[in-house]
Amino acid sequence: MNIPQELRYTKEHEWVLLDDGVAIVGITDFAQAELGDIVYVELPTIGASLATTEAFGNVESVKSVSDLYAPISGVVADINTRLADSPETMNTDPYGEGWLLRLDPKDAGEVNQLLTAKEYGEYIGAEAE
């Protein structure tokens, strides 16, 4: 399972990368593997204000529909519009081209409250048992 060290994670299987004050958000490799083939993603509108743990959209796969949750609070600065035509990108490149959205964080310090790569690895190891 690929768990990049530079990212922070949620127990809902989203990841966050702070890049020049902007939070890039996506789903983890573990999440995409559990979901199976992703066929549709619903994302919020640019300018939407999100609170931490608030559902902001969903991912539909051949197996199920799963809600997406904001890992931190902030305003949606950008969404990955390419996922409308190619949602399977979330399966093939969850930490790169398969990102979901970019947030202008309300408080960038919230990222420090999320799981480290080591903690997330331990969490999904425990969850898989």
N, C-alpha and C. Protein backbone atom coordinates (compact mmCIF):
# COMPACT_ATOMS: atom_id res chain seq x y z
N MET A 1 0.85 -1.18 0.00
CA MET A 1 0.00 0.00 0.00
C MET A 1 0.90 1.25 0.00
N ASN A 2 0.62 2.16 -0.90
CA ASN A 2 1.41 3.38 -1.03
C ASN A 2 0.89 4.44 -0.07
N ILE A 3 1.76 4.88 0.87
CA ILE A 3 1.40 5.90 1.84
C ILE A 3 2.52 6.94 1.86
N PRO A 4 2.45 7.96 1.00
CA PRO A 4 3.52 8.98 0.96
C PRO A 4 3.74 9.66 2.31
N GLN A 5 4.99 9.78 2.69
CA GLN A 5 5.37 10.33 3.99
C GLN A 5 5.02 11.82 4.16
N GLU A 6 5.03 12.57 3.06
CA GLU A 6 4.84 14.02 3.16
C GLU A 6 3.39 14.45 3.33
N LEU A 7 2.47 13.52 3.24
CA LEU A 7 1.04 13.84 3.34
C LEU A 7 0.52 13.62 4.75
N ARG A 8 -0.63 14.20 5.03
CA ARG A 8 -1.38 13.93 6.26
C ARG A 8 -2.67 13.25 5.87
N TYR A 9 -3.25 12.47 6.78
CA TYR A 9 -4.36 11.59 6.45
C TYR A 9 -5.50 11.69 7.46
N THR A 10 -6.70 11.29 7.00
CA THR A 10 -7.86 11.21 7.88
C THR A 10 -8.27 9.74 8.03
N LYS A 11 -9.05 9.45 9.04
CA LYS A 11 -9.57 8.10 9.22
C LYS A 11 -10.66 7.78 8.19
N GLU A 12 -11.08 8.79 7.45
CA GLU A 12 -12.05 8.59 6.36
C GLU A 12 -11.34 8.36 5.03
N HIS A 13 -10.00 8.27 5.08
CA HIS A 13 -9.15 7.92 3.94
C HIS A 13 -8.98 9.03 2.91
N GLU A 14 -8.97 10.28 3.39
CA GLU A 14 -8.57 11.39 2.54
C GLU A 14 -7.14 11.77 2.92
N TRP A 15 -6.44 12.38 1.99
CA TRP A 15 -5.10 12.89 2.25
C TRP A 15 -5.06 14.39 1.99
N VAL A 16 -4.07 15.06 2.60
CA VAL A 16 -3.89 16.50 2.43
C VAL A 16 -2.41 16.80 2.25
N LEU A 17 -2.13 17.71 1.34
CA LEU A 17 -0.78 18.25 1.16
C LEU A 17 -0.89 19.75 1.17
N LEU A 18 -0.15 20.40 2.08
CA LEU A 18 -0.10 21.87 2.07
C LEU A 18 0.99 22.28 1.09
N ASP A 19 0.61 23.12 0.11
CA ASP A 19 1.53 23.56 -0.92
C ASP A 19 1.36 25.06 -1.10
N ASP A 20 2.33 25.84 -0.63
CA ASP A 20 2.26 27.31 -0.70
C ASP A 20 0.96 27.85 -0.11
N GLY A 21 0.56 27.32 1.04
CA GLY A 21 -0.62 27.81 1.73
C GLY A 21 -1.94 27.27 1.22
N VAL A 22 -1.91 26.42 0.19
CA VAL A 22 -3.12 25.80 -0.34
C VAL A 22 -3.11 24.33 0.04
N ALA A 23 -4.25 23.81 0.46
CA ALA A 23 -4.37 22.41 0.82
C ALA A 23 -4.93 21.62 -0.36
N ILE A 24 -4.14 20.68 -0.86
CA ILE A 24 -4.59 19.78 -1.93
C ILE A 24 -5.14 18.54 -1.26
N VAL A 25 -6.32 18.09 -1.70
CA VAL A 25 -7.03 16.99 -1.05
C VAL A 25 -7.33 15.89 -2.06
N GLY A 26 -7.20 14.65 -1.63
CA GLY A 26 -7.55 13.51 -2.46
C GLY A 26 -7.91 12.32 -1.60
N ILE A 27 -8.17 11.17 -2.24
CA ILE A 27 -8.40 9.95 -1.49
C ILE A 27 -7.14 9.09 -1.53
N THR A 28 -6.98 8.25 -0.55
CA THR A 28 -5.77 7.46 -0.43
C THR A 28 -5.78 6.25 -1.37
N ASP A 29 -4.60 5.67 -1.53
CA ASP A 29 -4.45 4.45 -2.30
C ASP A 29 -5.30 3.34 -1.69
N PHE A 30 -5.32 3.28 -0.37
CA PHE A 30 -6.14 2.29 0.33
C PHE A 30 -7.61 2.47 -0.03
N ALA A 31 -8.09 3.72 -0.03
CA ALA A 31 -9.50 4.00 -0.34
C ALA A 31 -9.85 3.57 -1.76
N GLN A 32 -9.00 3.94 -2.72
CA GLN A 32 -9.33 3.59 -4.10
C GLN A 32 -9.31 2.08 -4.30
N ALA A 33 -8.42 1.39 -3.60
CA ALA A 33 -8.36 -0.07 -3.72
C ALA A 33 -9.61 -0.72 -3.13
N GLU A 34 -10.08 -0.18 -2.01
CA GLU A 34 -11.30 -0.70 -1.38
C GLU A 34 -12.53 -0.42 -2.22
N LEU A 35 -12.55 0.75 -2.86
CA LEU A 35 -13.71 1.12 -3.68
C LEU A 35 -13.81 0.29 -4.95
N GLY A 36 -12.69 -0.04 -5.52
CA GLY A 36 -12.70 -0.71 -6.82
C GLY A 36 -12.76 0.33 -7.93
N ASP A 37 -13.22 -0.06 -9.10
CA ASP A 37 -13.23 0.83 -10.25
C ASP A 37 -14.16 2.03 -10.02
N ILE A 38 -13.57 3.23 -9.99
CA ILE A 38 -14.34 4.45 -9.76
C ILE A 38 -14.94 4.90 -11.09
N VAL A 39 -16.26 5.17 -11.05
CA VAL A 39 -16.97 5.51 -12.29
C VAL A 39 -17.54 6.93 -12.28
N TYR A 40 -17.60 7.58 -11.10
CA TYR A 40 -18.18 8.92 -11.02
C TYR A 40 -17.72 9.58 -9.73
N VAL A 41 -17.51 10.89 -9.80
CA VAL A 41 -17.19 11.66 -8.59
C VAL A 41 -17.99 12.95 -8.61
N GLU A 42 -18.55 13.29 -7.47
CA GLU A 42 -19.29 14.55 -7.30
C GLU A 42 -18.47 15.44 -6.38
N LEU A 43 -18.16 16.65 -6.86
CA LEU A 43 -17.35 17.59 -6.10
C LEU A 43 -18.12 18.88 -5.84
N PRO A 44 -17.71 19.65 -4.83
CA PRO A 44 -18.40 20.91 -4.53
C PRO A 44 -18.08 21.98 -5.57
N THR A 45 -18.75 23.10 -5.47
CA THR A 45 -18.48 24.21 -6.37
C THR A 45 -17.33 25.05 -5.82
N ILE A 46 -16.61 25.69 -6.72
CA ILE A 46 -15.55 26.62 -6.30
C ILE A 46 -16.19 27.75 -5.51
N GLY A 47 -15.57 28.09 -4.40
CA GLY A 47 -16.10 29.13 -3.52
C GLY A 47 -16.91 28.58 -2.35
N ALA A 48 -17.22 27.29 -2.39
CA ALA A 48 -17.97 26.68 -1.28
C ALA A 48 -17.10 26.68 -0.02
N SER A 49 -17.73 26.94 1.10
CA SER A 49 -17.04 26.93 2.38
C SER A 49 -17.28 25.58 3.05
N LEU A 50 -16.20 24.92 3.46
CA LEU A 50 -16.29 23.60 4.07
C LEU A 50 -15.78 23.63 5.50
N ALA A 51 -16.48 22.92 6.38
CA ALA A 51 -16.04 22.75 7.76
C ALA A 51 -15.35 21.39 7.88
N THR A 52 -14.43 21.28 8.82
CA THR A 52 -13.74 20.01 9.04
C THR A 52 -14.75 18.90 9.25
N THR A 53 -14.54 17.78 8.60
CA THR A 53 -15.35 16.56 8.62
C THR A 53 -16.70 16.69 7.90
N GLU A 54 -16.96 17.83 7.28
CA GLU A 54 -18.20 18.02 6.53
C GLU A 54 -18.13 17.24 5.21
N ALA A 55 -19.22 16.55 4.88
CA ALA A 55 -19.28 15.85 3.59
C ALA A 55 -19.31 16.90 2.48
N PHE A 56 -18.47 16.71 1.47
CA PHE A 56 -18.42 17.70 0.38
C PHE A 56 -18.72 17.10 -0.99
N GLY A 57 -18.93 15.82 -1.05
CA GLY A 57 -19.21 15.16 -2.32
C GLY A 57 -19.21 13.67 -2.13
N ASN A 58 -19.14 12.94 -3.24
CA ASN A 58 -19.07 11.49 -3.12
C ASN A 58 -18.36 10.87 -4.31
N VAL A 59 -17.96 9.64 -4.11
CA VAL A 59 -17.29 8.85 -5.12
C VAL A 59 -18.14 7.61 -5.35
N GLU A 60 -18.45 7.34 -6.62
CA GLU A 60 -19.22 6.17 -6.96
C GLU A 60 -18.31 5.18 -7.67
N SER A 61 -18.35 3.95 -7.19
CA SER A 61 -17.57 2.89 -7.83
C SER A 61 -18.52 1.78 -8.24
N VAL A 62 -17.98 0.75 -8.86
CA VAL A 62 -18.82 -0.38 -9.24
C VAL A 62 -19.35 -1.10 -8.00
N LYS A 63 -18.70 -0.89 -6.85
CA LYS A 63 -19.11 -1.55 -5.61
C LYS A 63 -20.08 -0.74 -4.77
N SER A 64 -19.87 0.59 -4.70
CA SER A 64 -20.65 1.39 -3.74
C SER A 64 -20.52 2.89 -4.04
N VAL A 65 -21.23 3.67 -3.24
CA VAL A 65 -21.10 5.13 -3.25
C VAL A 65 -20.58 5.52 -1.87
N SER A 66 -19.52 6.31 -1.82
CA SER A 66 -18.92 6.72 -0.56
C SER A 66 -18.84 8.24 -0.49
N ASP A 67 -19.18 8.78 0.67
CA ASP A 67 -19.07 10.22 0.89
C ASP A 67 -17.61 10.62 1.01
N LEU A 68 -17.33 11.86 0.64
CA LEU A 68 -16.03 12.48 0.81
C LEU A 68 -16.15 13.52 1.92
N TYR A 69 -15.15 13.62 2.79
CA TYR A 69 -15.21 14.52 3.93
C TYR A 69 -14.04 15.49 3.92
N ALA A 70 -14.31 16.72 4.28
CA ALA A 70 -13.26 17.74 4.34
C ALA A 70 -12.30 17.42 5.48
N PRO A 71 -11.02 17.27 5.18
CA PRO A 71 -10.05 16.97 6.23
C PRO A 71 -9.75 18.19 7.11
N ILE A 72 -9.90 19.37 6.52
CA ILE A 72 -9.72 20.63 7.26
C ILE A 72 -10.78 21.61 6.75
N SER A 73 -10.97 22.69 7.48
CA SER A 73 -11.95 23.70 7.04
C SER A 73 -11.29 24.68 6.08
N GLY A 74 -12.10 25.20 5.18
CA GLY A 74 -11.58 26.17 4.23
C GLY A 74 -12.56 26.43 3.10
N VAL A 75 -12.11 27.20 2.13
CA VAL A 75 -12.92 27.56 0.98
C VAL A 75 -12.35 26.85 -0.25
N VAL A 76 -13.23 26.24 -1.03
CA VAL A 76 -12.81 25.52 -2.23
C VAL A 76 -12.25 26.51 -3.24
N ALA A 77 -10.96 26.38 -3.54
CA ALA A 77 -10.28 27.28 -4.49
C ALA A 77 -10.29 26.71 -5.90
N ASP A 78 -10.33 25.37 -6.00
CA ASP A 78 -10.26 24.72 -7.31
C ASP A 78 -10.76 23.29 -7.15
N ILE A 79 -11.32 22.74 -8.22
CA ILE A 79 -11.69 21.33 -8.24
C ILE A 79 -11.04 20.68 -9.46
N ASN A 80 -10.84 19.39 -9.40
CA ASN A 80 -10.21 18.66 -10.50
C ASN A 80 -11.30 18.31 -11.52
N THR A 81 -11.51 19.20 -12.47
CA THR A 81 -12.57 19.02 -13.47
C THR A 81 -12.30 17.83 -14.40
N ARG A 82 -11.05 17.41 -14.50
CA ARG A 82 -10.72 16.26 -15.36
C ARG A 82 -11.37 14.97 -14.86
N LEU A 83 -11.72 14.93 -13.57
CA LEU A 83 -12.33 13.72 -13.02
C LEU A 83 -13.73 13.48 -13.56
N ALA A 84 -14.39 14.52 -14.08
CA ALA A 84 -15.72 14.35 -14.66
C ALA A 84 -15.67 13.40 -15.85
N ASP A 85 -14.64 13.52 -16.67
CA ASP A 85 -14.50 12.66 -17.84
C ASP A 85 -13.63 11.43 -17.58
N SER A 86 -12.79 11.50 -16.57
CA SER A 86 -11.85 10.40 -16.28
C SER A 86 -11.78 10.09 -14.78
N PRO A 87 -12.89 9.67 -14.18
CA PRO A 87 -12.87 9.41 -12.73
C PRO A 87 -11.91 8.28 -12.35
N GLU A 88 -11.61 7.39 -13.31
CA GLU A 88 -10.70 6.28 -13.04
C GLU A 88 -9.28 6.76 -12.72
N THR A 89 -8.99 8.03 -12.97
CA THR A 89 -7.69 8.60 -12.60
C THR A 89 -7.47 8.48 -11.09
N MET A 90 -8.56 8.48 -10.34
CA MET A 90 -8.44 8.32 -8.89
C MET A 90 -7.91 6.92 -8.55
N ASN A 91 -8.17 5.94 -9.39
CA ASN A 91 -7.64 4.59 -9.19
C ASN A 91 -6.18 4.50 -9.61
N THR A 92 -5.84 5.10 -10.73
CA THR A 92 -4.50 4.93 -11.28
C THR A 92 -3.46 5.87 -10.68
N ASP A 93 -3.87 7.05 -10.18
CA ASP A 93 -2.92 8.02 -9.64
C ASP A 93 -3.57 8.83 -8.50
N PRO A 94 -3.92 8.16 -7.38
CA PRO A 94 -4.65 8.85 -6.32
C PRO A 94 -3.88 10.00 -5.67
N TYR A 95 -2.54 9.96 -5.70
CA TYR A 95 -1.75 11.01 -5.06
C TYR A 95 -1.23 12.05 -6.05
N GLY A 96 -1.58 11.91 -7.31
CA GLY A 96 -1.11 12.84 -8.33
C GLY A 96 -2.28 13.43 -9.10
N GLU A 97 -2.46 12.98 -10.34
CA GLU A 97 -3.51 13.52 -11.21
C GLU A 97 -4.92 13.24 -10.70
N GLY A 98 -5.06 12.33 -9.73
CA GLY A 98 -6.38 12.00 -9.18
C GLY A 98 -6.80 12.84 -7.99
N TRP A 99 -6.11 13.97 -7.75
CA TRP A 99 -6.51 14.85 -6.64
C TRP A 99 -7.96 15.31 -6.84
N LEU A 100 -8.62 15.70 -5.74
CA LEU A 100 -10.03 16.10 -5.80
C LEU A 100 -10.22 17.61 -5.84
N LEU A 101 -9.65 18.29 -4.86
CA LEU A 101 -9.85 19.74 -4.77
C LEU A 101 -8.71 20.42 -4.06
N ARG A 102 -8.69 21.74 -4.20
CA ARG A 102 -7.73 22.59 -3.50
C ARG A 102 -8.53 23.53 -2.60
N LEU A 103 -8.08 23.63 -1.36
CA LEU A 103 -8.75 24.47 -0.37
C LEU A 103 -7.85 25.61 0.06
N ASP A 104 -8.44 26.79 0.25
CA ASP A 104 -7.77 27.86 0.97
C ASP A 104 -8.12 27.62 2.44
N PRO A 105 -7.16 27.12 3.23
CA PRO A 105 -7.48 26.73 4.61
C PRO A 105 -7.91 27.90 5.47
N LYS A 106 -8.87 27.63 6.33
CA LYS A 106 -9.27 28.61 7.33
C LYS A 106 -8.15 28.72 8.36
N ASP A 107 -7.56 27.57 8.73
CA ASP A 107 -6.46 27.51 9.67
C ASP A 107 -5.54 26.37 9.24
N ALA A 108 -4.44 26.71 8.60
CA ALA A 108 -3.52 25.68 8.08
C ALA A 108 -3.00 24.78 9.19
N GLY A 109 -3.03 25.25 10.42
CA GLY A 109 -2.58 24.45 11.56
C GLY A 109 -3.43 23.21 11.79
N GLU A 110 -4.65 23.20 11.24
CA GLU A 110 -5.51 22.02 11.39
C GLU A 110 -4.86 20.78 10.79
N VAL A 111 -4.02 20.96 9.79
CA VAL A 111 -3.36 19.83 9.13
C VAL A 111 -2.54 19.03 10.15
N ASN A 112 -1.96 19.73 11.13
CA ASN A 112 -1.13 19.06 12.14
C ASN A 112 -1.93 18.13 13.04
N GLN A 113 -3.25 18.26 13.04
CA GLN A 113 -4.10 17.39 13.85
C GLN A 113 -4.44 16.08 13.12
N LEU A 114 -4.10 16.01 11.84
CA LEU A 114 -4.39 14.81 11.05
C LEU A 114 -3.32 13.75 11.27
N LEU A 115 -3.59 12.54 10.81
CA LEU A 115 -2.68 11.43 10.99
C LEU A 115 -1.42 11.58 10.14
N THR A 116 -0.28 11.19 10.70
CA THR A 116 0.95 11.12 9.92
C THR A 116 0.87 9.85 9.06
N ALA A 117 1.80 9.69 8.14
CA ALA A 117 1.84 8.50 7.31
C ALA A 117 1.97 7.24 8.18
N LYS A 118 2.81 7.31 9.19
CA LYS A 118 3.00 6.16 10.09
C LYS A 118 1.70 5.84 10.82
N GLU A 119 1.05 6.86 11.36
CA GLU A 119 -0.21 6.65 12.09
C GLU A 119 -1.30 6.10 11.16
N TYR A 120 -1.35 6.63 9.93
CA TYR A 120 -2.35 6.15 8.98
C TYR A 120 -2.09 4.69 8.61
N GLY A 121 -0.83 4.35 8.40
CA GLY A 121 -0.46 2.98 8.09
C GLY A 121 -0.87 2.03 9.21
N GLU A 122 -0.66 2.45 10.45
CA GLU A 122 -1.08 1.64 11.60
C GLU A 122 -2.60 1.54 11.64
N TYR A 123 -3.29 2.64 11.33
CA TYR A 123 -4.75 2.65 11.34
C TYR A 123 -5.33 1.69 10.31
N ILE A 124 -4.86 1.75 9.08
CA ILE A 124 -5.43 0.85 8.06
C ILE A 124 -4.99 -0.59 8.29
N GLY A 125 -3.84 -0.77 8.91
CA GLY A 125 -3.42 -2.12 9.28
C GLY A 125 -4.36 -2.71 10.31
N ALA A 126 -4.73 -1.88 11.28
CA ALA A 126 -5.66 -2.33 12.32
C ALA A 126 -7.06 -2.51 11.75
N GLU A 127 -7.44 -1.62 10.81
CA GLU A 127 -8.79 -1.69 10.24
C GLU A 127 -8.95 -2.93 9.37
N ALA A 128 -7.88 -3.35 8.72
CA ALA A 128 -7.94 -4.49 7.81
C ALA A 128 -8.04 -5.83 8.56
N GLU A 129 -7.70 -5.83 9.84
CA GLU A 129 -7.72 -7.08 10.61
C GLU A 129 -9.12 -7.48 11.02
